[in-house]
Amino acid sequence: VAGARDTVGSSMVQKSGIQCYNCKEYVHVARECHKPKRAKDAAYHREKMLLCKQEEAGIQLIAEQADWRDDTDDESDDQELEAHYKYMAKLQ
């Protein structure tokens, strides 16, 4: 990313133009975020399934939706979940 620069031996990073994936603020990166991540409850999975359904229907997702749909930070069996979302979208 243009403008990002690591300082060797320090955690100091110039963050201009870098956005936190969790809270969408520009003052830090996700690993430094102190806000709680979104709970992966029924609403989370329902929204993710609907995004998969929109994508399969050929509807162009906005960048934020596509990034969130592709969120894989904690999901170890991501391909299985993606297949499940698409299957559930077809059932509805």
PDB file of N, CA and C in Angstrom:
ATOM      1  N   VAL A   1       0.852  -1.175   0.000  1.00  0.00           N
ATOM      2  CA  VAL A   1       0.000   0.000   0.000  1.00  0.00           C
ATOM      3  C   VAL A   1       0.890   1.227   0.000  1.00  0.00           C
ATOM      4  N   ALA A   2       0.598   2.143  -0.853  1.00  0.00           N
ATOM      5  CA  ALA A   2       1.384   3.366  -0.941  1.00  0.00           C
ATOM      6  C   ALA A   2       1.297   4.133   0.365  1.00  0.00           C
ATOM      7  N   GLY A   3       2.424   4.591   0.859  1.00  0.00           N
ATOM      8  CA  GLY A   3       2.450   5.366   2.089  1.00  0.00           C
ATOM      9  C   GLY A   3       2.686   4.540   3.329  1.00  0.00           C
ATOM     10  N   ALA A   4       2.610   3.226   3.234  1.00  0.00           N
ATOM     11  CA  ALA A   4       2.848   2.376   4.392  1.00  0.00           C
ATOM     12  C   ALA A   4       4.330   2.066   4.475  1.00  0.00           C
ATOM     13  N   ARG A   5       4.893   2.192   5.676  1.00  0.00           N
ATOM     14  CA  ARG A   5       6.311   1.944   5.830  1.00  0.00           C
ATOM     15  C   ARG A   5       6.560   1.367   7.209  1.00  0.00           C
ATOM     16  N   ASP A   6       7.248   0.229   7.279  1.00  0.00           N
ATOM     17  CA  ASP A   6       7.615  -0.375   8.548  1.00  0.00           C
ATOM     18  C   ASP A   6       8.944   0.198   9.004  1.00  0.00           C
ATOM     19  N   THR A   7       9.093   0.414  10.295  1.00  0.00           N
ATOM     20  CA  THR A   7      10.362   0.815  10.867  1.00  0.00           C
ATOM     21  C   THR A   7      10.971  -0.431  11.482  1.00  0.00           C
ATOM     22  N   VAL A   8      12.170  -0.798  11.056  1.00  0.00           N
ATOM     23  CA  VAL A   8      12.830  -2.012  11.517  1.00  0.00           C
ATOM     24  C   VAL A   8      13.035  -1.941  13.021  1.00  0.00           C
ATOM     25  N   GLY A   9      12.650  -3.021  13.721  1.00  0.00           N
ATOM     26  CA  GLY A   9      12.839  -3.112  15.162  1.00  0.00           C
ATOM     27  C   GLY A   9      11.813  -2.343  15.969  1.00  0.00           C
ATOM     28  N   SER A  10      10.781  -1.857  15.371  1.00  0.00           N
ATOM     29  CA  SER A  10       9.776  -1.080  16.075  1.00  0.00           C
ATOM     30  C   SER A  10       8.398  -1.421  15.528  1.00  0.00           C
ATOM     31  N   SER A  11       7.375  -1.207  16.354  1.00  0.00           N
ATOM     32  CA  SER A  11       6.014  -1.452  15.885  1.00  0.00           C
ATOM     33  C   SER A  11       5.422  -0.196  15.250  1.00  0.00           C
ATOM     34  N   MET A  12       6.252   0.839  15.120  1.00  0.00           N
ATOM     35  CA  MET A  12       5.790   2.094  14.513  1.00  0.00           C
ATOM     36  C   MET A  12       5.558   1.901  13.022  1.00  0.00           C
ATOM     37  N   VAL A  13       4.370   2.155  12.573  1.00  0.00           N
ATOM     38  CA  VAL A  13       4.030   2.020  11.158  1.00  0.00           C
ATOM     39  C   VAL A  13       3.280   3.277  10.731  1.00  0.00           C
ATOM     40  N   GLN A  14       3.684   3.843   9.626  1.00  0.00           N
ATOM     41  CA  GLN A  14       2.946   4.980   9.069  1.00  0.00           C
ATOM     42  C   GLN A  14       1.683   4.411   8.443  1.00  0.00           C
ATOM     43  N   LYS A  15       0.525   4.819   8.915  1.00  0.00           N
ATOM     44  CA  LYS A  15      -0.722   4.165   8.533  1.00  0.00           C
ATOM     45  C   LYS A  15      -1.596   5.005   7.613  1.00  0.00           C
ATOM     46  N   SER A  16      -1.046   5.971   6.951  1.00  0.00           N
ATOM     47  CA  SER A  16      -1.884   6.782   6.064  1.00  0.00           C
ATOM     48  C   SER A  16      -2.409   5.920   4.927  1.00  0.00           C
ATOM     49  N   GLY A  17      -3.702   5.864   4.787  1.00  0.00           N
ATOM     50  CA  GLY A  17      -4.308   5.088   3.715  1.00  0.00           C
ATOM     51  C   GLY A  17      -4.591   3.641   4.071  1.00  0.00           C
ATOM     52  N   ILE A  18      -4.220   3.202   5.265  1.00  0.00           N
ATOM     53  CA  ILE A  18      -4.482   1.823   5.678  1.00  0.00           C
ATOM     54  C   ILE A  18      -5.692   1.834   6.606  1.00  0.00           C
ATOM     55  N   GLN A  19      -6.653   0.962   6.328  1.00  0.00           N
ATOM     56  CA  GLN A  19      -7.904   0.940   7.078  1.00  0.00           C
ATOM     57  C   GLN A  19      -8.001  -0.333   7.904  1.00  0.00           C
ATOM     58  N   CYS A  20      -8.491  -0.207   9.137  1.00  0.00           N
ATOM     59  CA  CYS A  20      -8.710  -1.365  10.004  1.00  0.00           C
ATOM     60  C   CYS A  20      -9.833  -2.212   9.416  1.00  0.00           C
ATOM     61  N   TYR A  21      -9.596  -3.504   9.272  1.00  0.00           N
ATOM     62  CA  TYR A  21     -10.589  -4.402   8.695  1.00  0.00           C
ATOM     63  C   TYR A  21     -11.770  -4.613   9.642  1.00  0.00           C
ATOM     64  N   ASN A  22     -11.526  -4.511  10.961  1.00  0.00           N
ATOM     65  CA  ASN A  22     -12.586  -4.769  11.934  1.00  0.00           C
ATOM     66  C   ASN A  22     -13.555  -3.601  12.094  1.00  0.00           C
ATOM     67  N   CYS A  23     -13.011  -2.393  12.318  1.00  0.00           N
ATOM     68  CA  CYS A  23     -13.881  -1.259  12.639  1.00  0.00           C
ATOM     69  C   CYS A  23     -13.914  -0.192  11.555  1.00  0.00           C
ATOM     70  N   LYS A  24     -13.125  -0.361  10.493  1.00  0.00           N
ATOM     71  CA  LYS A  24     -13.088   0.537   9.332  1.00  0.00           C
ATOM     72  C   LYS A  24     -12.497   1.917   9.630  1.00  0.00           C
ATOM     73  N   GLU A  25     -11.803   2.087  10.771  1.00  0.00           N
ATOM     74  CA  GLU A  25     -11.135   3.351  11.066  1.00  0.00           C
ATOM     75  C   GLU A  25      -9.769   3.367  10.397  1.00  0.00           C
ATOM     76  N   TYR A  26      -9.221   4.560  10.194  1.00  0.00           N
ATOM     77  CA  TYR A  26      -7.941   4.703   9.513  1.00  0.00           C
ATOM     78  C   TYR A  26      -6.776   4.946  10.472  1.00  0.00           C
ATOM     79  N   VAL A  27      -6.978   4.843  11.765  1.00  0.00           N
ATOM     80  CA  VAL A  27      -5.911   5.161  12.717  1.00  0.00           C
ATOM     81  C   VAL A  27      -5.090   3.950  13.139  1.00  0.00           C
ATOM     82  N   HIS A  28      -5.517   2.754  12.786  1.00  0.00           N
ATOM     83  CA  HIS A  28      -4.785   1.544  13.169  1.00  0.00           C
ATOM     84  C   HIS A  28      -5.126   0.414  12.200  1.00  0.00           C
ATOM     85  N   VAL A  29      -4.456  -0.715  12.363  1.00  0.00           N
ATOM     86  CA  VAL A  29      -4.737  -1.902  11.555  1.00  0.00           C
ATOM     87  C   VAL A  29      -5.468  -2.916  12.426  1.00  0.00           C
ATOM     88  N   ALA A  30      -6.022  -3.949  11.811  1.00  0.00           N
ATOM     89  CA  ALA A  30      -6.885  -4.901  12.518  1.00  0.00           C
ATOM     90  C   ALA A  30      -6.196  -5.556  13.709  1.00  0.00           C
ATOM     91  N   ARG A  31      -4.916  -5.892  13.570  1.00  0.00           N
ATOM     92  CA  ARG A  31      -4.261  -6.589  14.688  1.00  0.00           C
ATOM     93  C   ARG A  31      -4.109  -5.690  15.908  1.00  0.00           C
ATOM     94  N   GLU A  32      -4.210  -4.360  15.721  1.00  0.00           N
ATOM     95  CA  GLU A  32      -4.112  -3.407  16.820  1.00  0.00           C
ATOM     96  C   GLU A  32      -5.481  -2.918  17.287  1.00  0.00           C
ATOM     97  N   CYS A  33      -6.544  -3.412  16.692  1.00  0.00           N
ATOM     98  CA  CYS A  33      -7.897  -2.945  16.990  1.00  0.00           C
ATOM     99  C   CYS A  33      -8.334  -3.416  18.376  1.00  0.00           C
ATOM    100  N   HIS A  34      -8.908  -2.486  19.145  1.00  0.00           N
ATOM    101  CA  HIS A  34      -9.380  -2.820  20.485  1.00  0.00           C
ATOM    102  C   HIS A  34     -10.888  -3.009  20.537  1.00  0.00           C
ATOM    103  N   LYS A  35     -11.557  -2.762  19.435  1.00  0.00           N
ATOM    104  CA  LYS A  35     -13.002  -2.955  19.390  1.00  0.00           C
ATOM    105  C   LYS A  35     -13.295  -4.436  19.160  1.00  0.00           C
ATOM    106  N   PRO A  36     -14.357  -4.952  19.771  1.00  0.00           N
ATOM    107  CA  PRO A  36     -14.673  -6.378  19.582  1.00  0.00           C
ATOM    108  C   PRO A  36     -15.061  -6.681  18.142  1.00  0.00           C
ATOM    109  N   LYS A  37     -14.687  -7.867  17.700  1.00  0.00           N
ATOM    110  CA  LYS A  37     -15.082  -8.308  16.365  1.00  0.00           C
ATOM    111  C   LYS A  37     -16.571  -8.625  16.380  1.00  0.00           C
ATOM    112  N   ARG A  38     -17.163  -8.612  15.216  1.00  0.00           N
ATOM    113  CA  ARG A  38     -18.579  -8.917  15.093  1.00  0.00           C
ATOM    114  C   ARG A  38     -18.821 -10.368  15.483  1.00  0.00           C
ATOM    115  N   ALA A  39     -19.846 -10.596  16.291  1.00  0.00           N
ATOM    116  CA  ALA A  39     -20.190 -11.951  16.706  1.00  0.00           C
ATOM    117  C   ALA A  39     -20.672 -12.747  15.499  1.00  0.00           C
ATOM    118  N   LYS A  40     -20.251 -13.986  15.428  1.00  0.00           N
ATOM    119  CA  LYS A  40     -20.661 -14.843  14.312  1.00  0.00           C
ATOM    120  C   LYS A  40     -21.910 -15.618  14.729  1.00  0.00           C
ATOM    121  N   ASP A  41     -23.004 -14.861  14.835  1.00  0.00           N
ATOM    122  CA  ASP A  41     -24.282 -15.418  15.244  1.00  0.00           C
ATOM    123  C   ASP A  41     -25.158 -15.674  14.019  1.00  0.00           C
ATOM    124  N   ALA A  42     -26.424 -15.930  14.245  1.00  0.00           N
ATOM    125  CA  ALA A  42     -27.336 -16.241  13.144  1.00  0.00           C
ATOM    126  C   ALA A  42     -27.437 -15.083  12.152  1.00  0.00           C
ATOM    127  N   ALA A  43     -27.449 -13.849  12.648  1.00  0.00           N
ATOM    128  CA  ALA A  43     -27.544 -12.692  11.751  1.00  0.00           C
ATOM    129  C   ALA A  43     -26.304 -12.582  10.867  1.00  0.00           C
ATOM    130  N   TYR A  44     -25.144 -12.864  11.420  1.00  0.00           N
ATOM    131  CA  TYR A  44     -23.891 -12.838  10.655  1.00  0.00           C
ATOM    132  C   TYR A  44     -23.960 -13.838   9.505  1.00  0.00           C
ATOM    133  N   HIS A  45     -24.356 -15.068   9.821  1.00  0.00           N
ATOM    134  CA  HIS A  45     -24.407 -16.115   8.803  1.00  0.00           C
ATOM    135  C   HIS A  45     -25.518 -15.847   7.779  1.00  0.00           C
ATOM    136  N   ARG A  46     -26.631 -15.281   8.219  1.00  0.00           N
ATOM    137  CA  ARG A  46     -27.716 -14.944   7.301  1.00  0.00           C
ATOM    138  C   ARG A  46     -27.249 -13.880   6.302  1.00  0.00           C
ATOM    139  N   GLU A  47     -26.555 -12.855   6.799  1.00  0.00           N
ATOM    140  CA  GLU A  47     -26.067 -11.799   5.909  1.00  0.00           C
ATOM    141  C   GLU A  47     -25.027 -12.339   4.930  1.00  0.00           C
ATOM    142  N   LYS A  48     -24.164 -13.217   5.416  1.00  0.00           N
ATOM    143  CA  LYS A  48     -23.143 -13.792   4.543  1.00  0.00           C
ATOM    144  C   LYS A  48     -23.796 -14.662   3.461  1.00  0.00           C
ATOM    145  N   MET A  49     -24.835 -15.406   3.841  1.00  0.00           N
ATOM    146  CA  MET A  49     -25.554 -16.240   2.884  1.00  0.00           C
ATOM    147  C   MET A  49     -26.237 -15.376   1.817  1.00  0.00           C
ATOM    148  N   LEU A  50     -26.833 -14.258   2.237  1.00  0.00           N
ATOM    149  CA  LEU A  50     -27.497 -13.368   1.288  1.00  0.00           C
ATOM    150  C   LEU A  50     -26.495 -12.740   0.319  1.00  0.00           C
ATOM    151  N   LEU A  51     -25.299 -12.429   0.793  1.00  0.00           N
ATOM    152  CA  LEU A  51     -24.271 -11.894  -0.096  1.00  0.00           C
ATOM    153  C   LEU A  51     -23.855 -12.939  -1.124  1.00  0.00           C
ATOM    154  N   CYS A  52     -23.756 -14.199  -0.700  1.00  0.00           N
ATOM    155  CA  CYS A  52     -23.434 -15.275  -1.646  1.00  0.00           C
ATOM    156  C   CYS A  52     -24.546 -15.420  -2.677  1.00  0.00           C
ATOM    157  N   LYS A  53     -25.790 -15.288  -2.208  1.00  0.00           N
ATOM    158  CA  LYS A  53     -26.939 -15.393  -3.109  1.00  0.00           C
ATOM    159  C   LYS A  53     -26.919 -14.262  -4.139  1.00  0.00           C
ATOM    160  N   GLN A  54     -26.606 -13.045  -3.700  1.00  0.00           N
ATOM    161  CA  GLN A  54     -26.514 -11.910  -4.619  1.00  0.00           C
ATOM    162  C   GLN A  54     -25.403 -12.127  -5.633  1.00  0.00           C
ATOM    163  N   GLU A  55     -24.275 -12.630  -5.172  1.00  0.00           N
ATOM    164  CA  GLU A  55     -23.140 -12.855  -6.063  1.00  0.00           C
ATOM    165  C   GLU A  55     -23.478 -13.897  -7.127  1.00  0.00           C
ATOM    166  N   GLU A  56     -24.151 -14.977  -6.725  1.00  0.00           N
ATOM    167  CA  GLU A  56     -24.533 -16.017  -7.678  1.00  0.00           C
ATOM    168  C   GLU A  56     -25.559 -15.509  -8.685  1.00  0.00           C
ATOM    169  N   ALA A  57     -26.379 -14.540  -8.273  1.00  0.00           N
ATOM    170  CA  ALA A  57     -27.383 -13.969  -9.172  1.00  0.00           C
ATOM    171  C   ALA A  57     -26.762 -12.958 -10.138  1.00  0.00           C
ATOM    172  N   GLY A  58     -25.470 -12.728  -9.990  1.00  0.00           N
ATOM    173  CA  GLY A  58     -24.785 -11.813 -10.897  1.00  0.00           C
ATOM    174  C   GLY A  58     -24.827 -10.367 -10.462  1.00  0.00           C
ATOM    175  N   ILE A  59     -25.282 -10.118  -9.241  1.00  0.00           N
ATOM    176  CA  ILE A  59     -25.326  -8.754  -8.717  1.00  0.00           C
ATOM    177  C   ILE A  59     -23.926  -8.381  -8.242  1.00  0.00           C
ATOM    178  N   GLN A  60     -23.427  -7.247  -8.719  1.00  0.00           N
ATOM    179  CA  GLN A  60     -22.092  -6.790  -8.352  1.00  0.00           C
ATOM    180  C   GLN A  60     -22.101  -6.316  -6.904  1.00  0.00           C
ATOM    181  N   LEU A  61     -21.238  -6.885  -6.068  1.00  0.00           N
ATOM    182  CA  LEU A  61     -21.128  -6.470  -4.678  1.00  0.00           C
ATOM    183  C   LEU A  61     -20.220  -5.255  -4.594  1.00  0.00           C
ATOM    184  N   ILE A  62     -20.529  -4.354  -3.659  1.00  0.00           N
ATOM    185  CA  ILE A  62     -19.617  -3.234  -3.446  1.00  0.00           C
ATOM    186  C   ILE A  62     -18.383  -3.777  -2.733  1.00  0.00           C
ATOM    187  N   ALA A  63     -17.297  -3.042  -2.775  1.00  0.00           N
ATOM    188  CA  ALA A  63     -16.016  -3.522  -2.247  1.00  0.00           C
ATOM    189  C   ALA A  63     -16.123  -3.963  -0.794  1.00  0.00           C
ATOM    190  N   GLU A  64     -16.835  -3.199   0.031  1.00  0.00           N
ATOM    191  CA  GLU A  64     -16.958  -3.541   1.442  1.00  0.00           C
ATOM    192  C   GLU A  64     -17.688  -4.868   1.625  1.00  0.00           C
ATOM    193  N   GLN A  65     -18.740  -5.108   0.845  1.00  0.00           N
ATOM    194  CA  GLN A  65     -19.473  -6.370   0.932  1.00  0.00           C
ATOM    195  C   GLN A  65     -18.601  -7.529   0.481  1.00  0.00           C
ATOM    196  N   ALA A  66     -17.871  -7.346  -0.602  1.00  0.00           N
ATOM    197  CA  ALA A  66     -17.007  -8.409  -1.112  1.00  0.00           C
ATOM    198  C   ALA A  66     -15.905  -8.727  -0.113  1.00  0.00           C
ATOM    199  N   ASP A  67     -15.325  -7.698   0.511  1.00  0.00           N
ATOM    200  CA  ASP A  67     -14.289  -7.914   1.518  1.00  0.00           C
ATOM    201  C   ASP A  67     -14.854  -8.658   2.713  1.00  0.00           C
ATOM    202  N   TRP A  68     -16.058  -8.262   3.157  1.00  0.00           N
ATOM    203  CA  TRP A  68     -16.645  -8.912   4.318  1.00  0.00           C
ATOM    204  C   TRP A  68     -17.030 -10.355   3.995  1.00  0.00           C
ATOM    205  N   ARG A  69     -17.545 -10.585   2.791  1.00  0.00           N
ATOM    206  CA  ARG A  69     -17.920 -11.938   2.394  1.00  0.00           C
ATOM    207  C   ARG A  69     -16.698 -12.837   2.374  1.00  0.00           C
ATOM    208  N   ASP A  70     -15.564 -12.272   1.997  1.00  0.00           N
ATOM    209  CA  ASP A  70     -14.332 -13.044   1.921  1.00  0.00           C
ATOM    210  C   ASP A  70     -13.587 -13.104   3.244  1.00  0.00           C
ATOM    211  N   ASP A  71     -14.168 -12.562   4.302  1.00  0.00           N
ATOM    212  CA  ASP A  71     -13.523 -12.553   5.612  1.00  0.00           C
ATOM    213  C   ASP A  71     -13.206 -13.978   6.040  1.00  0.00           C
ATOM    214  N   THR A  72     -11.926 -14.250   6.264  1.00  0.00           N
ATOM    215  CA  THR A  72     -11.507 -15.612   6.612  1.00  0.00           C
ATOM    216  C   THR A  72     -10.641 -15.636   7.852  1.00  0.00           C
ATOM    217  N   ASP A  73     -10.683 -14.592   8.683  1.00  0.00           N
ATOM    218  CA  ASP A  73      -9.742 -14.486   9.783  1.00  0.00           C
ATOM    219  C   ASP A  73      -9.812 -15.627  10.785  1.00  0.00           C
ATOM    220  N   ASP A  74     -10.982 -16.124  11.122  1.00  0.00           N
ATOM    221  CA  ASP A  74     -11.099 -17.167  12.136  1.00  0.00           C
ATOM    222  C   ASP A  74     -11.643 -18.486  11.602  1.00  0.00           C
ATOM    223  N   GLU A  75     -12.018 -18.540  10.349  1.00  0.00           N
ATOM    224  CA  GLU A  75     -12.690 -19.719   9.817  1.00  0.00           C
ATOM    225  C   GLU A  75     -11.678 -20.699   9.242  1.00  0.00           C
ATOM    226  N   SER A  76     -11.456 -21.807   9.950  1.00  0.00           N
ATOM    227  CA  SER A  76     -10.454 -22.779   9.504  1.00  0.00           C
ATOM    228  C   SER A  76     -10.946 -23.595   8.313  1.00  0.00           C
ATOM    229  N   ASP A  77     -12.211 -23.898   8.270  1.00  0.00           N
ATOM    230  CA  ASP A  77     -12.768 -24.675   7.161  1.00  0.00           C
ATOM    231  C   ASP A  77     -13.590 -23.759   6.262  1.00  0.00           C
ATOM    232  N   ASP A  78     -12.935 -22.742   5.742  1.00  0.00           N
ATOM    233  CA  ASP A  78     -13.593 -21.683   4.987  1.00  0.00           C
ATOM    234  C   ASP A  78     -14.302 -22.193   3.736  1.00  0.00           C
ATOM    235  N   GLN A  79     -13.702 -23.118   3.013  1.00  0.00           N
ATOM    236  CA  GLN A  79     -14.321 -23.624   1.789  1.00  0.00           C
ATOM    237  C   GLN A  79     -15.621 -24.350   2.099  1.00  0.00           C
ATOM    238  N   GLU A  80     -15.644 -25.093   3.189  1.00  0.00           N
ATOM    239  CA  GLU A  80     -16.857 -25.808   3.578  1.00  0.00           C
ATOM    240  C   GLU A  80     -17.973 -24.825   3.934  1.00  0.00           C
ATOM    241  N   LEU A  81     -17.640 -23.764   4.674  1.00  0.00           N
ATOM    242  CA  LEU A  81     -18.645 -22.761   5.023  1.00  0.00           C
ATOM    243  C   LEU A  81     -19.157 -22.039   3.786  1.00  0.00           C
ATOM    244  N   GLU A  82     -18.261 -21.712   2.869  1.00  0.00           N
ATOM    245  CA  GLU A  82     -18.664 -21.027   1.636  1.00  0.00           C
ATOM    246  C   GLU A  82     -19.640 -21.902   0.844  1.00  0.00           C
ATOM    247  N   ALA A  83     -19.345 -23.198   0.754  1.00  0.00           N
ATOM    248  CA  ALA A  83     -20.238 -24.121   0.057  1.00  0.00           C
ATOM    249  C   ALA A  83     -21.587 -24.199   0.775  1.00  0.00           C
ATOM    250  N   HIS A  84     -21.558 -24.193   2.108  1.00  0.00           N
ATOM    251  CA  HIS A  84     -22.785 -24.240   2.897  1.00  0.00           C
ATOM    252  C   HIS A  84     -23.638 -22.995   2.638  1.00  0.00           C
ATOM    253  N   TYR A  85     -23.006 -21.805   2.633  1.00  0.00           N
ATOM    254  CA  TYR A  85     -23.740 -20.566   2.378  1.00  0.00           C
ATOM    255  C   TYR A  85     -24.406 -20.605   1.007  1.00  0.00           C
ATOM    256  N   LYS A  86     -23.676 -21.066   0.015  1.00  0.00           N
ATOM    257  CA  LYS A  86     -24.223 -21.118  -1.342  1.00  0.00           C
ATOM    258  C   LYS A  86     -25.367 -22.121  -1.431  1.00  0.00           C
ATOM    259  N   TYR A  87     -25.230 -23.254  -0.739  1.00  0.00           N
ATOM    260  CA  TYR A  87     -26.289 -24.263  -0.722  1.00  0.00           C
ATOM    261  C   TYR A  87     -27.546 -23.698  -0.061  1.00  0.00           C
ATOM    262  N   MET A  88     -27.366 -23.041   1.085  1.00  0.00           N
ATOM    263  CA  MET A  88     -28.508 -22.471   1.794  1.00  0.00           C
ATOM    264  C   MET A  88     -29.161 -21.364   0.964  1.00  0.00           C
ATOM    265  N   ALA A  89     -28.365 -20.603   0.231  1.00  0.00           N
ATOM    266  CA  ALA A  89     -28.914 -19.538  -0.611  1.00  0.00           C
ATOM    267  C   ALA A  89     -29.792 -20.127  -1.710  1.00  0.00           C
ATOM    268  N   LYS A  90     -29.405 -21.281  -2.238  1.00  0.00           N
ATOM    269  CA  LYS A  90     -30.199 -21.921  -3.289  1.00  0.00           C
ATOM    270  C   LYS A  90     -31.520 -22.451  -2.746  1.00  0.00           C
ATOM    271  N   LEU A  91     -31.540 -22.847  -1.483  1.00  0.00           N
ATOM    272  CA  LEU A  91     -32.757 -23.380  -0.881  1.00  0.00           C
ATOM    273  C   LEU A  91     -33.804 -22.299  -0.650  1.00  0.00           C
ATOM    274  N   GLN A  92     -33.375 -21.066  -0.498  1.00  0.00           N
ATOM    275  CA  GLN A  92     -34.329 -19.992  -0.195  1.00  0.00           C
ATOM    276  C   GLN A  92     -34.898 -19.373  -1.427  1.00  0.00           C
TER     277      GLN A  92
END
